[in-house]
Amino acid sequence: MEEMALKCCEIISAVGTARSCYIEAIHKAKDGDYDEAKKLIEEGKKYFIEGHEKHLDFLQQEAEGNLTVGLILLHAEDQLMSAESFGILAVEFISVYQCIKNKGVL
């Protein structure tokens, strides 16, 4: 159980960092720094993939009948889904900010 909790914390940490990168990317885009925003999106994707791969290990264990789901895993999955949503929205926000700037509104 301790090993599972540690792996869940690794997922939470990785996807939390991804989400932070995505949020920072939105702020950079709002400030007009689109190159930095795109770099942060790419950095966030790397962290998200790291967390996602760790989650896939749990899915495989569950499929083999070797996993008991606990609240910490549910929390890790919630954080994973939240980071994925933030990533999608961050990309859209950057696009919107670029469009607004190109039209001279910002």
C-alpha atoms as a PDB file:
ATOM      1  CA  MET A   1       0.000   0.000   0.000  1.00  0.00           C
ATOM      2  CA  GLU A   2       2.888   2.379   0.762  1.00  0.00           C
ATOM      3  CA  GLU A   3       4.333   1.814  -2.706  1.00  0.00           C
ATOM      4  CA  MET A   4       0.978   2.622  -4.278  1.00  0.00           C
ATOM      5  CA  ALA A   5       0.676   5.827  -2.240  1.00  0.00           C
ATOM      6  CA  LEU A   6       4.162   6.867  -3.359  1.00  0.00           C
ATOM      7  CA  LYS A   7       3.316   6.223  -7.015  1.00  0.00           C
ATOM      8  CA  CYS A   8       0.078   8.182  -6.633  1.00  0.00           C
ATOM      9  CA  CYS A   9       2.013  11.091  -5.162  1.00  0.00           C
ATOM     10  CA  GLU A  10       4.343  10.925  -8.172  1.00  0.00           C
ATOM     11  CA  ILE A  11       1.324  11.210 -10.468  1.00  0.00           C
ATOM     12  CA  ILE A  12      -0.088  14.113  -8.464  1.00  0.00           C
ATOM     13  CA  SER A  13       3.256  15.904  -8.494  1.00  0.00           C
ATOM     14  CA  ALA A  14       3.850  15.439 -12.223  1.00  0.00           C
ATOM     15  CA  VAL A  15       0.378  16.507 -13.338  1.00  0.00           C
ATOM     16  CA  GLY A  16       0.320  19.344 -10.812  1.00  0.00           C
ATOM     17  CA  THR A  17       3.494  20.677 -12.386  1.00  0.00           C
ATOM     18  CA  ALA A  18       1.913  20.260 -15.819  1.00  0.00           C
ATOM     19  CA  ARG A  19      -1.137  22.235 -14.720  1.00  0.00           C
ATOM     20  CA  SER A  20       1.107  24.993 -13.325  1.00  0.00           C
ATOM     21  CA  CYS A  21       2.940  25.183 -16.655  1.00  0.00           C
ATOM     22  CA  TYR A  22      -0.359  25.480 -18.498  1.00  0.00           C
ATOM     23  CA  ILE A  23      -1.598  28.256 -16.222  1.00  0.00           C
ATOM     24  CA  GLU A  24       1.687  30.135 -16.554  1.00  0.00           C
ATOM     25  CA  ALA A  25       1.449  29.719 -20.344  1.00  0.00           C
ATOM     26  CA  ILE A  26      -1.941  31.453 -20.304  1.00  0.00           C
ATOM     27  CA  HIS A  27      -0.446  34.358 -18.340  1.00  0.00           C
ATOM     28  CA  LYS A  28       2.469  34.624 -20.779  1.00  0.00           C
ATOM     29  CA  ALA A  29       0.080  34.669 -23.731  1.00  0.00           C
ATOM     30  CA  LYS A  30      -2.007  37.355 -22.073  1.00  0.00           C
ATOM     31  CA  ASP A  31       1.185  39.411 -21.767  1.00  0.00           C
ATOM     32  CA  GLY A  32       1.932  38.813 -25.460  1.00  0.00           C
ATOM     33  CA  ASP A  33       4.868  36.439 -24.906  1.00  0.00           C
ATOM     34  CA  TYR A  34       3.610  33.680 -27.218  1.00  0.00           C
ATOM     35  CA  ASP A  35       6.994  31.994 -27.654  1.00  0.00           C
ATOM     36  CA  GLU A  36       7.326  31.501 -23.903  1.00  0.00           C
ATOM     37  CA  ALA A  37       3.698  30.393 -23.698  1.00  0.00           C
ATOM     38  CA  LYS A  38       4.329  27.697 -26.288  1.00  0.00           C
ATOM     39  CA  LYS A  39       7.471  26.549 -24.447  1.00  0.00           C
ATOM     40  CA  LEU A  40       5.476  26.243 -21.249  1.00  0.00           C
ATOM     41  CA  ILE A  41       2.794  24.223 -23.041  1.00  0.00           C
ATOM     42  CA  GLU A  42       5.466  21.816 -24.280  1.00  0.00           C
ATOM     43  CA  GLU A  43       7.012  21.583 -20.814  1.00  0.00           C
ATOM     44  CA  GLY A  44       3.580  20.925 -19.344  1.00  0.00           C
ATOM     45  CA  LYS A  45       2.953  18.171 -21.877  1.00  0.00           C
ATOM     46  CA  LYS A  46       6.152  16.397 -20.785  1.00  0.00           C
ATOM     47  CA  TYR A  47       5.060  16.429 -17.160  1.00  0.00           C
ATOM     48  CA  PHE A  48       1.538  15.365 -18.097  1.00  0.00           C
ATOM     49  CA  ILE A  49       2.865  12.409 -20.095  1.00  0.00           C
ATOM     50  CA  GLU A  50       5.045  11.415 -17.137  1.00  0.00           C
ATOM     51  CA  GLY A  51       1.992  11.319 -14.873  1.00  0.00           C
ATOM     52  CA  HIS A  52      -0.126   9.619 -17.508  1.00  0.00           C
ATOM     53  CA  GLU A  53       2.432   6.837 -17.988  1.00  0.00           C
ATOM     54  CA  LYS A  54       2.511   6.174 -14.248  1.00  0.00           C
ATOM     55  CA  HIS A  55      -1.291   6.035 -14.307  1.00  0.00           C
ATOM     56  CA  LEU A  56      -1.189   3.518 -17.161  1.00  0.00           C
ATOM     57  CA  ASP A  57       0.817   1.212 -14.895  1.00  0.00           C
ATOM     58  CA  PHE A  58      -2.092   1.259 -12.446  1.00  0.00           C
ATOM     59  CA  LEU A  59      -4.577   0.535 -15.221  1.00  0.00           C
ATOM     60  CA  GLN A  60      -2.542  -2.474 -16.276  1.00  0.00           C
ATOM     61  CA  GLN A  61      -2.375  -3.744 -12.690  1.00  0.00           C
ATOM     62  CA  GLU A  62      -6.119  -3.284 -12.332  1.00  0.00           C
ATOM     63  CA  ALA A  63      -6.768  -5.207 -15.564  1.00  0.00           C
ATOM     64  CA  GLU A  64      -4.676  -8.059 -14.170  1.00  0.00           C
ATOM     65  CA  GLY A  65      -6.676  -8.021 -10.925  1.00  0.00           C
ATOM     66  CA  ASN A  66      -3.687  -6.866  -8.892  1.00  0.00           C
ATOM     67  CA  LEU A  67      -4.924  -3.495  -7.682  1.00  0.00           C
ATOM     68  CA  THR A  68      -7.184  -2.284  -4.940  1.00  0.00           C
ATOM     69  CA  VAL A  69      -8.416   1.224  -5.651  1.00  0.00           C
ATOM     70  CA  GLY A  70      -8.087   3.685  -2.788  1.00  0.00           C
ATOM     71  CA  LEU A  71      -8.862   7.338  -2.299  1.00  0.00           C
ATOM     72  CA  ILE A  72      -5.297   8.390  -3.068  1.00  0.00           C
ATOM     73  CA  LEU A  73      -5.545   6.816  -6.522  1.00  0.00           C
ATOM     74  CA  LEU A  74      -8.900   8.493  -7.099  1.00  0.00           C
ATOM     75  CA  HIS A  75      -7.317  11.812  -6.134  1.00  0.00           C
ATOM     76  CA  ALA A  76      -4.412  11.179  -8.515  1.00  0.00           C
ATOM     77  CA  GLU A  77      -6.860  10.427 -11.328  1.00  0.00           C
ATOM     78  CA  ASP A  78      -8.810  13.588 -10.537  1.00  0.00           C
ATOM     79  CA  GLN A  79      -5.623  15.629 -10.736  1.00  0.00           C
ATOM     80  CA  LEU A  80      -4.682  13.904 -14.004  1.00  0.00           C
ATOM     81  CA  MET A  81      -8.015  14.809 -15.583  1.00  0.00           C
ATOM     82  CA  SER A  82      -7.804  18.362 -14.259  1.00  0.00           C
ATOM     83  CA  ALA A  83      -4.346  18.838 -15.782  1.00  0.00           C
ATOM     84  CA  GLU A  84      -5.551  17.478 -19.102  1.00  0.00           C
ATOM     85  CA  SER A  85      -8.436  19.967 -19.111  1.00  0.00           C
ATOM     86  CA  PHE A  86      -6.122  22.840 -18.240  1.00  0.00           C
ATOM     87  CA  GLY A  87      -3.806  21.843 -21.087  1.00  0.00           C
ATOM     88  CA  ILE A  88      -6.616  21.888 -23.613  1.00  0.00           C
ATOM     89  CA  LEU A  89      -7.916  25.231 -22.348  1.00  0.00           C
ATOM     90  CA  ALA A  90      -4.432  26.775 -22.222  1.00  0.00           C
ATOM     91  CA  VAL A  91      -3.860  26.016 -25.895  1.00  0.00           C
ATOM     92  CA  GLU A  92      -7.223  27.600 -26.701  1.00  0.00           C
ATOM     93  CA  PHE A  93      -6.526  30.680 -24.575  1.00  0.00           C
ATOM     94  CA  ILE A  94      -3.192  31.223 -26.300  1.00  0.00           C
ATOM     95  CA  SER A  95      -4.922  31.031 -29.660  1.00  0.00           C
ATOM     96  CA  VAL A  96      -7.609  33.488 -28.554  1.00  0.00           C
ATOM     97  CA  TYR A  97      -5.034  35.944 -27.186  1.00  0.00           C
ATOM     98  CA  GLN A  98      -3.093  35.774 -30.455  1.00  0.00           C
ATOM     99  CA  CYS A  99      -6.263  36.366 -32.446  1.00  0.00           C
ATOM    100  CA  ILE A 100      -7.247  39.346 -30.281  1.00  0.00           C
ATOM    101  CA  LYS A 101      -3.761  40.830 -30.599  1.00  0.00           C
ATOM    102  CA  ASN A 102      -3.772  40.382 -34.377  1.00  0.00           C
ATOM    103  CA  LYS A 103      -7.045  42.321 -34.528  1.00  0.00           C
ATOM    104  CA  GLY A 104      -5.502  45.133 -32.484  1.00  0.00           C
ATOM    105  CA  VAL A 105      -7.746  44.746 -29.455  1.00  0.00           C
ATOM    106  CA  LEU A 106      -4.889  44.081 -26.995  1.00  0.00           C
END
